Amino acid sequence: MIEDIQKIMSELADDSDTIIVNPGTLEELKRSGVPFDTVPPPTIDQLFDKRKQNAFLRIGQLPLLPQGLPRQYKPFIKRLGNAFSLA
């Protein structure tokens, strides 16, 4: 039976790097001898670091401020750039 479950899981998970499973089912399968490598989900810090990296890549794509721009617009555009970098 375990071999059948492993075969089915292998077929279903072929070419997948992530499988979402009910934790109770996962524990039951582990107890029955089906091997699983579990990877913990990313931490909040890892998620923010990834967003920060993407933001730094995108911020370089923003155009430079145009010359002769009235000075009252500069703080607004700077804030806009900051907000964009956090997106």
PDB file of N, CA and C in Angstrom:
ATOM      1  N   MET A   1       0.808  -1.197   0.000  1.00  0.00           N
ATOM      2  CA  MET A   1       0.000   0.000   0.000  1.00  0.00           C
ATOM      3  C   MET A   1       0.851   1.261   0.000  1.00  0.00           C
ATOM      4  N   ILE A   2       1.920   1.262   0.786  1.00  0.00           N
ATOM      5  CA  ILE A   2       2.804   2.430   0.837  1.00  0.00           C
ATOM      6  C   ILE A   2       3.415   2.695  -0.533  1.00  0.00           C
ATOM      7  N   GLU A   3       3.775   1.611  -1.220  1.00  0.00           N
ATOM      8  CA  GLU A   3       4.344   1.779  -2.555  1.00  0.00           C
ATOM      9  C   GLU A   3       3.339   2.409  -3.500  1.00  0.00           C
ATOM     10  N   ASP A   4       2.058   2.024  -3.355  1.00  0.00           N
ATOM     11  CA  ASP A   4       1.010   2.607  -4.196  1.00  0.00           C
ATOM     12  C   ASP A   4       0.873   4.108  -3.922  1.00  0.00           C
ATOM     13  N   ILE A   5       0.885   4.475  -2.647  1.00  0.00           N
ATOM     14  CA  ILE A   5       0.775   5.896  -2.284  1.00  0.00           C
ATOM     15  C   ILE A   5       1.974   6.665  -2.826  1.00  0.00           C
ATOM     16  N   GLN A   6       3.163   6.090  -2.660  1.00  0.00           N
ATOM     17  CA  GLN A   6       4.361   6.763  -3.173  1.00  0.00           C
ATOM     18  C   GLN A   6       4.290   6.920  -4.687  1.00  0.00           C
ATOM     19  N   LYS A   7       3.796   5.908  -5.381  1.00  0.00           N
ATOM     20  CA  LYS A   7       3.683   5.988  -6.839  1.00  0.00           C
ATOM     21  C   LYS A   7       2.696   7.083  -7.244  1.00  0.00           C
ATOM     22  N   ILE A   8       1.540   7.111  -6.580  1.00  0.00           N
ATOM     23  CA  ILE A   8       0.538   8.129  -6.891  1.00  0.00           C
ATOM     24  C   ILE A   8       1.088   9.528  -6.597  1.00  0.00           C
ATOM     25  N   MET A   9       1.730   9.683  -5.438  1.00  0.00           N
ATOM     26  CA  MET A   9       2.287  10.991  -5.074  1.00  0.00           C
ATOM     27  C   MET A   9       3.370  11.418  -6.069  1.00  0.00           C
ATOM     28  N   SER A  10       4.187  10.475  -6.496  1.00  0.00           N
ATOM     29  CA  SER A  10       5.241  10.798  -7.466  1.00  0.00           C
ATOM     30  C   SER A  10       4.637  11.267  -8.785  1.00  0.00           C
ATOM     31  N   GLU A  11       3.575  10.591  -9.219  1.00  0.00           N
ATOM     32  CA  GLU A  11       2.923  10.984 -10.464  1.00  0.00           C
ATOM     33  C   GLU A  11       2.266  12.359 -10.346  1.00  0.00           C
ATOM     34  N   LEU A  12       1.614  12.601  -9.219  1.00  0.00           N
ATOM     35  CA  LEU A  12       0.933  13.879  -9.022  1.00  0.00           C
ATOM     36  C   LEU A  12       1.918  15.035  -8.844  1.00  0.00           C
ATOM     37  N   ALA A  13       3.025  14.756  -8.194  1.00  0.00           N
ATOM     38  CA  ALA A  13       3.975  15.815  -7.865  1.00  0.00           C
ATOM     39  C   ALA A  13       5.108  15.936  -8.868  1.00  0.00           C
ATOM     40  N   ASP A  14       5.044  15.175  -9.946  1.00  0.00           N
ATOM     41  CA  ASP A  14       6.110  15.228 -10.942  1.00  0.00           C
ATOM     42  C   ASP A  14       6.293  16.653 -11.443  1.00  0.00           C
ATOM     43  N   ASP A  15       7.512  17.144 -11.467  1.00  0.00           N
ATOM     44  CA  ASP A  15       7.874  18.483 -11.909  1.00  0.00           C
ATOM     45  C   ASP A  15       7.338  19.582 -10.994  1.00  0.00           C
ATOM     46  N   SER A  16       6.919  19.259  -9.794  1.00  0.00           N
ATOM     47  CA  SER A  16       6.456  20.269  -8.836  1.00  0.00           C
ATOM     48  C   SER A  16       7.513  20.455  -7.766  1.00  0.00           C
ATOM     49  N   ASP A  17       7.652  21.680  -7.319  1.00  0.00           N
ATOM     50  CA  ASP A  17       8.574  21.923  -6.219  1.00  0.00           C
ATOM     51  C   ASP A  17       7.832  22.265  -4.924  1.00  0.00           C
ATOM     52  N   THR A  18       6.503  22.374  -4.999  1.00  0.00           N
ATOM     53  CA  THR A  18       5.700  22.677  -3.822  1.00  0.00           C
ATOM     54  C   THR A  18       4.432  21.842  -3.842  1.00  0.00           C
ATOM     55  N   ILE A  19       4.142  21.227  -2.723  1.00  0.00           N
ATOM     56  CA  ILE A  19       2.906  20.475  -2.566  1.00  0.00           C
ATOM     57  C   ILE A  19       2.221  21.002  -1.313  1.00  0.00           C
ATOM     58  N   ILE A  20       0.954  21.335  -1.435  1.00  0.00           N
ATOM     59  CA  ILE A  20       0.188  21.803  -0.286  1.00  0.00           C
ATOM     60  C   ILE A  20      -0.643  20.637   0.211  1.00  0.00           C
ATOM     61  N   VAL A  21      -0.517  20.358   1.498  1.00  0.00           N
ATOM     62  CA  VAL A  21      -1.194  19.198   2.058  1.00  0.00           C
ATOM     63  C   VAL A  21      -1.737  19.555   3.443  1.00  0.00           C
ATOM     64  N   ASN A  22      -2.834  18.925   3.785  1.00  0.00           N
ATOM     65  CA  ASN A  22      -3.393  19.073   5.120  1.00  0.00           C
ATOM     66  C   ASN A  22      -2.368  18.545   6.124  1.00  0.00           C
ATOM     67  N   PRO A  23      -2.045  19.306   7.169  1.00  0.00           N
ATOM     68  CA  PRO A  23      -1.042  18.839   8.139  1.00  0.00           C
ATOM     69  C   PRO A  23      -1.393  17.494   8.774  1.00  0.00           C
ATOM     70  N   GLY A  24      -2.676  17.257   9.026  1.00  0.00           N
ATOM     71  CA  GLY A  24      -3.077  15.968   9.595  1.00  0.00           C
ATOM     72  C   GLY A  24      -2.800  14.819   8.645  1.00  0.00           C
ATOM     73  N   THR A  25      -3.107  15.031   7.379  1.00  0.00           N
ATOM     74  CA  THR A  25      -2.842  14.005   6.358  1.00  0.00           C
ATOM     75  C   THR A  25      -1.349  13.749   6.235  1.00  0.00           C
ATOM     76  N   LEU A  26      -0.568  14.828   6.286  1.00  0.00           N
ATOM     77  CA  LEU A  26       0.890  14.691   6.185  1.00  0.00           C
ATOM     78  C   LEU A  26       1.424  13.840   7.333  1.00  0.00           C
ATOM     79  N   GLU A  27       0.965  14.106   8.547  1.00  0.00           N
ATOM     80  CA  GLU A  27       1.427  13.325   9.696  1.00  0.00           C
ATOM     81  C   GLU A  27       1.002  11.862   9.569  1.00  0.00           C
ATOM     82  N   GLU A  28      -0.207  11.642   9.088  1.00  0.00           N
ATOM     83  CA  GLU A  28      -0.695  10.275   8.905  1.00  0.00           C
ATOM     84  C   GLU A  28       0.155   9.523   7.881  1.00  0.00           C
ATOM     85  N   LEU A  29       0.485  10.190   6.778  1.00  0.00           N
ATOM     86  CA  LEU A  29       1.323   9.553   5.759  1.00  0.00           C
ATOM     87  C   LEU A  29       2.731   9.286   6.285  1.00  0.00           C
ATOM     88  N   LYS A  30       3.265  10.221   7.071  1.00  0.00           N
ATOM     89  CA  LYS A  30       4.601  10.013   7.656  1.00  0.00           C
ATOM     90  C   LYS A  30       4.583   8.800   8.591  1.00  0.00           C
ATOM     91  N   ARG A  31       3.534   8.696   9.410  1.00  0.00           N
ATOM     92  CA  ARG A  31       3.435   7.553  10.338  1.00  0.00           C
ATOM     93  C   ARG A  31       3.333   6.234   9.584  1.00  0.00           C
ATOM     94  N   SER A  32       2.710   6.273   8.402  1.00  0.00           N
ATOM     95  CA  SER A  32       2.582   5.035   7.635  1.00  0.00           C
ATOM     96  C   SER A  32       3.838   4.718   6.833  1.00  0.00           C
ATOM     97  N   GLY A  33       4.850   5.593   6.913  1.00  0.00           N
ATOM     98  CA  GLY A  33       6.133   5.283   6.290  1.00  0.00           C
ATOM     99  C   GLY A  33       6.425   5.994   4.989  1.00  0.00           C
ATOM    100  N   VAL A  34       5.536   6.894   4.549  1.00  0.00           N
ATOM    101  CA  VAL A  34       5.784   7.633   3.307  1.00  0.00           C
ATOM    102  C   VAL A  34       6.759   8.757   3.631  1.00  0.00           C
ATOM    103  N   PRO A  35       7.925   8.794   2.959  1.00  0.00           N
ATOM    104  CA  PRO A  35       8.911   9.830   3.272  1.00  0.00           C
ATOM    105  C   PRO A  35       8.523  11.180   2.659  1.00  0.00           C
ATOM    106  N   PHE A  36       8.683  12.226   3.437  1.00  0.00           N
ATOM    107  CA  PHE A  36       8.418  13.585   2.967  1.00  0.00           C
ATOM    108  C   PHE A  36       9.533  14.495   3.442  1.00  0.00           C
ATOM    109  N   ASP A  37       9.985  15.339   2.564  1.00  0.00           N
ATOM    110  CA  ASP A  37      10.912  16.405   2.942  1.00  0.00           C
ATOM    111  C   ASP A  37      10.081  17.665   3.058  1.00  0.00           C
ATOM    112  N   THR A  38       9.936  18.177   4.267  1.00  0.00           N
ATOM    113  CA  THR A  38       9.140  19.378   4.449  1.00  0.00           C
ATOM    114  C   THR A  38      10.059  20.583   4.571  1.00  0.00           C
ATOM    115  N   VAL A  39       9.654  21.650   3.949  1.00  0.00           N
ATOM    116  CA  VAL A  39      10.401  22.903   3.984  1.00  0.00           C
ATOM    117  C   VAL A  39       9.505  23.940   4.650  1.00  0.00           C
ATOM    118  N   PRO A  40      10.005  24.585   5.685  1.00  0.00           N
ATOM    119  CA  PRO A  40       9.153  25.580   6.346  1.00  0.00           C
ATOM    120  C   PRO A  40       8.877  26.755   5.422  1.00  0.00           C
ATOM    121  N   PRO A  41       7.729  27.397   5.584  1.00  0.00           N
ATOM    122  CA  PRO A  41       7.414  28.557   4.742  1.00  0.00           C
ATOM    123  C   PRO A  41       8.382  29.699   5.037  1.00  0.00           C
ATOM    124  N   PRO A  42       8.539  30.623   4.094  1.00  0.00           N
ATOM    125  CA  PRO A  42       9.461  31.740   4.331  1.00  0.00           C
ATOM    126  C   PRO A  42       8.984  32.608   5.499  1.00  0.00           C
ATOM    127  N   THR A  43       9.947  33.174   6.203  1.00  0.00           N
ATOM    128  CA  THR A  43       9.615  34.061   7.316  1.00  0.00           C
ATOM    129  C   THR A  43       9.211  35.425   6.768  1.00  0.00           C
ATOM    130  N   ILE A  44       8.630  36.237   7.616  1.00  0.00           N
ATOM    131  CA  ILE A  44       8.213  37.575   7.196  1.00  0.00           C
ATOM    132  C   ILE A  44       9.435  38.389   6.752  1.00  0.00           C
ATOM    133  N   ASP A  45      10.564  38.211   7.440  1.00  0.00           N
ATOM    134  CA  ASP A  45      11.783  38.925   7.043  1.00  0.00           C
ATOM    135  C   ASP A  45      12.243  38.495   5.651  1.00  0.00           C
ATOM    136  N   GLN A  46      12.157  37.216   5.351  1.00  0.00           N
ATOM    137  CA  GLN A  46      12.551  36.733   4.022  1.00  0.00           C
ATOM    138  C   GLN A  46      11.628  37.300   2.955  1.00  0.00           C
ATOM    139  N   LEU A  47      10.337  37.372   3.253  1.00  0.00           N
ATOM    140  CA  LEU A  47       9.390  37.934   2.285  1.00  0.00           C
ATOM    141  C   LEU A  47       9.686  39.408   2.031  1.00  0.00           C
ATOM    142  N   PHE A  48       9.962  40.167   3.095  1.00  0.00           N
ATOM    143  CA  PHE A  48      10.279  41.584   2.919  1.00  0.00           C
ATOM    144  C   PHE A  48      11.607  41.778   2.182  1.00  0.00           C
ATOM    145  N   ASP A  49      12.577  40.916   2.471  1.00  0.00           N
ATOM    146  CA  ASP A  49      13.854  41.020   1.758  1.00  0.00           C
ATOM    147  C   ASP A  49      13.664  40.796   0.262  1.00  0.00           C
ATOM    148  N   LYS A  50      12.811  39.847  -0.078  1.00  0.00           N
ATOM    149  CA  LYS A  50      12.545  39.584  -1.498  1.00  0.00           C
ATOM    150  C   LYS A  50      11.871  40.792  -2.146  1.00  0.00           C
ATOM    151  N   ARG A  51      10.899  41.382  -1.451  1.00  0.00           N
ATOM    152  CA  ARG A  51      10.228  42.577  -1.987  1.00  0.00           C
ATOM    153  C   ARG A  51      11.210  43.730  -2.118  1.00  0.00           C
ATOM    154  N   LYS A  52      12.110  43.849  -1.154  1.00  0.00           N
ATOM    155  CA  LYS A  52      13.092  44.931  -1.195  1.00  0.00           C
ATOM    156  C   LYS A  52      14.025  44.761  -2.394  1.00  0.00           C
ATOM    157  N   GLN A  53      14.452  43.534  -2.650  1.00  0.00           N
ATOM    158  CA  GLN A  53      15.311  43.282  -3.810  1.00  0.00           C
ATOM    159  C   GLN A  53      14.592  43.659  -5.103  1.00  0.00           C
ATOM    160  N   ASN A  54      13.319  43.265  -5.214  1.00  0.00           N
ATOM    161  CA  ASN A  54      12.547  43.611  -6.408  1.00  0.00           C
ATOM    162  C   ASN A  54      12.390  45.120  -6.530  1.00  0.00           C
ATOM    163  N   ALA A  55      12.189  45.788  -5.407  1.00  0.00           N
ATOM    164  CA  ALA A  55      12.025  47.244  -5.431  1.00  0.00           C
ATOM    165  C   ALA A  55      13.304  47.919  -5.917  1.00  0.00           C
ATOM    166  N   PHE A  56      14.458  47.456  -5.448  1.00  0.00           N
ATOM    167  CA  PHE A  56      15.715  48.065  -5.885  1.00  0.00           C
ATOM    168  C   PHE A  56      15.953  47.847  -7.378  1.00  0.00           C
ATOM    169  N   LEU A  57      15.489  46.712  -7.883  1.00  0.00           N
ATOM    170  CA  LEU A  57      15.612  46.490  -9.325  1.00  0.00           C
ATOM    171  C   LEU A  57      14.705  47.443 -10.103  1.00  0.00           C
ATOM    172  N   ARG A  58      13.489  47.665  -9.595  1.00  0.00           N
ATOM    173  CA  ARG A  58      12.534  48.530 -10.289  1.00  0.00           C
ATOM    174  C   ARG A  58      12.861  50.007 -10.155  1.00  0.00           C
ATOM    175  N   ILE A  59      13.424  50.409  -9.027  1.00  0.00           N
ATOM    176  CA  ILE A  59      13.676  51.830  -8.804  1.00  0.00           C
ATOM    177  C   ILE A  59      14.668  52.369  -9.834  1.00  0.00           C
ATOM    178  N   GLY A  60      15.550  51.509 -10.293  1.00  0.00           N
ATOM    179  CA  GLY A  60      16.501  51.930 -11.318  1.00  0.00           C
ATOM    180  C   GLY A  60      15.850  52.175 -12.668  1.00  0.00           C
ATOM    181  N   GLN A  61      14.632  51.693 -12.842  1.00  0.00           N
ATOM    182  CA  GLN A  61      13.925  51.881 -14.107  1.00  0.00           C
ATOM    183  C   GLN A  61      13.148  53.193 -14.149  1.00  0.00           C
ATOM    184  N   LEU A  62      13.031  53.856 -13.005  1.00  0.00           N
ATOM    185  CA  LEU A  62      12.320  55.127 -12.982  1.00  0.00           C
ATOM    186  C   LEU A  62      13.135  56.193 -13.718  1.00  0.00           C
ATOM    187  N   PRO A  63      12.470  57.070 -14.431  1.00  0.00           N
ATOM    188  CA  PRO A  63      13.204  58.131 -15.114  1.00  0.00           C
ATOM    189  C   PRO A  63      13.723  59.155 -14.098  1.00  0.00           C
ATOM    190  N   LEU A  64      14.771  59.842 -14.473  1.00  0.00           N
ATOM    191  CA  LEU A  64      15.302  60.913 -13.630  1.00  0.00           C
ATOM    192  C   LEU A  64      14.325  62.082 -13.642  1.00  0.00           C
ATOM    193  N   LEU A  65      14.420  62.907 -12.610  1.00  0.00           N
ATOM    194  CA  LEU A  65      13.569  64.093 -12.571  1.00  0.00           C
ATOM    195  C   LEU A  65      13.910  65.010 -13.741  1.00  0.00           C
ATOM    196  N   PRO A  66      12.898  65.565 -14.379  1.00  0.00           N
ATOM    197  CA  PRO A  66      13.179  66.474 -15.481  1.00  0.00           C
ATOM    198  C   PRO A  66      13.838  67.763 -14.975  1.00  0.00           C
ATOM    199  N   GLN A  67      14.698  68.322 -15.798  1.00  0.00           N
ATOM    200  CA  GLN A  67      15.350  69.594 -15.455  1.00  0.00           C
ATOM    201  C   GLN A  67      14.312  70.711 -15.499  1.00  0.00           C
ATOM    202  N   GLY A  68      14.445  71.673 -14.617  1.00  0.00           N
ATOM    203  CA  GLY A  68      13.555  72.823 -14.622  1.00  0.00           C
ATOM    204  C   GLY A  68      12.218  72.560 -13.964  1.00  0.00           C
ATOM    205  N   LEU A  69      12.104  71.445 -13.254  1.00  0.00           N
ATOM    206  CA  LEU A  69      10.865  71.115 -12.572  1.00  0.00           C
ATOM    207  C   LEU A  69      10.680  72.084 -11.400  1.00  0.00           C
ATOM    208  N   PRO A  70       9.491  72.675 -11.255  1.00  0.00           N
ATOM    209  CA  PRO A  70       9.277  73.575 -10.115  1.00  0.00           C
ATOM    210  C   PRO A  70       9.587  72.860  -8.802  1.00  0.00           C
ATOM    211  N   ARG A  71      10.239  73.553  -7.885  1.00  0.00           N
ATOM    212  CA  ARG A  71      10.729  72.888  -6.677  1.00  0.00           C
ATOM    213  C   ARG A  71       9.614  72.339  -5.799  1.00  0.00           C
ATOM    214  N   GLN A  72       8.394  72.871  -5.888  1.00  0.00           N
ATOM    215  CA  GLN A  72       7.317  72.341  -5.061  1.00  0.00           C
ATOM    216  C   GLN A  72       6.908  70.924  -5.491  1.00  0.00           C
ATOM    217  N   TYR A  73       7.275  70.502  -6.698  1.00  0.00           N
ATOM    218  CA  TYR A  73       6.949  69.150  -7.164  1.00  0.00           C
ATOM    219  C   TYR A  73       7.989  68.114  -6.740  1.00  0.00           C
ATOM    220  N   LYS A  74       9.185  68.561  -6.449  1.00  0.00           N
ATOM    221  CA  LYS A  74      10.269  67.612  -6.135  1.00  0.00           C
ATOM    222  C   LYS A  74       9.963  66.730  -4.927  1.00  0.00           C
ATOM    223  N   PRO A  75       9.463  67.274  -3.802  1.00  0.00           N
ATOM    224  CA  PRO A  75       9.151  66.369  -2.670  1.00  0.00           C
ATOM    225  C   PRO A  75       8.071  65.347  -3.023  1.00  0.00           C
ATOM    226  N   PHE A  76       7.089  65.764  -3.793  1.00  0.00           N
ATOM    227  CA  PHE A  76       6.029  64.836  -4.203  1.00  0.00           C
ATOM    228  C   PHE A  76       6.606  63.695  -5.039  1.00  0.00           C
ATOM    229  N   ILE A  77       7.444  64.019  -5.989  1.00  0.00           N
ATOM    230  CA  ILE A  77       8.018  62.994  -6.864  1.00  0.00           C
ATOM    231  C   ILE A  77       8.956  62.094  -6.068  1.00  0.00           C
ATOM    232  N   LYS A  78       9.683  62.671  -5.099  1.00  0.00           N
ATOM    233  CA  LYS A  78      10.558  61.860  -4.266  1.00  0.00           C
ATOM    234  C   LYS A  78       9.723  60.870  -3.441  1.00  0.00           C
ATOM    235  N   ARG A  79       8.609  61.328  -2.876  1.00  0.00           N
ATOM    236  CA  ARG A  79       7.728  60.431  -2.117  1.00  0.00           C
ATOM    237  C   ARG A  79       7.142  59.355  -3.022  1.00  0.00           C
ATOM    238  N   LEU A  80       6.800  59.745  -4.219  1.00  0.00           N
ATOM    239  CA  LEU A  80       6.265  58.784  -5.174  1.00  0.00           C
ATOM    240  C   LEU A  80       7.299  57.695  -5.459  1.00  0.00           C
ATOM    241  N   GLY A  81       8.543  58.109  -5.650  1.00  0.00           N
ATOM    242  CA  GLY A  81       9.627  57.135  -5.862  1.00  0.00           C
ATOM    243  C   GLY A  81       9.818  56.230  -4.665  1.00  0.00           C
ATOM    244  N   ASN A  82       9.727  56.804  -3.454  1.00  0.00           N
ATOM    245  CA  ASN A  82       9.857  55.987  -2.248  1.00  0.00           C
ATOM    246  C   ASN A  82       8.720  54.976  -2.145  1.00  0.00           C
ATOM    247  N   ALA A  83       7.512  55.429  -2.443  1.00  0.00           N
ATOM    248  CA  ALA A  83       6.365  54.526  -2.393  1.00  0.00           C
ATOM    249  C   ALA A  83       6.512  53.418  -3.434  1.00  0.00           C
ATOM    250  N   PHE A  84       7.004  53.768  -4.601  1.00  0.00           N
ATOM    251  CA  PHE A  84       7.190  52.783  -5.663  1.00  0.00           C
ATOM    252  C   PHE A  84       8.211  51.750  -5.255  1.00  0.00           C
ATOM    253  N   SER A  85       9.247  52.188  -4.544  1.00  0.00           N
ATOM    254  CA  SER A  85      10.285  51.247  -4.148  1.00  0.00           C
ATOM    255  C   SER A  85       9.798  50.260  -3.107  1.00  0.00           C
ATOM    256  N   LEU A  86       8.724  50.588  -2.382  1.00  0.00           N
ATOM    257  CA  LEU A  86       8.179  49.678  -1.385  1.00  0.00           C
ATOM    258  C   LEU A  86       7.135  48.726  -1.956  1.00  0.00           C
ATOM    259  N   ALA A  87       6.700  48.996  -3.178  1.00  0.00           N
ATOM    260  CA  ALA A  87       5.636  48.166  -3.770  1.00  0.00           C
ATOM    261  C   ALA A  87       6.126  46.792  -4.116  1.00  0.00           C
TER     262      ALA A  87
END
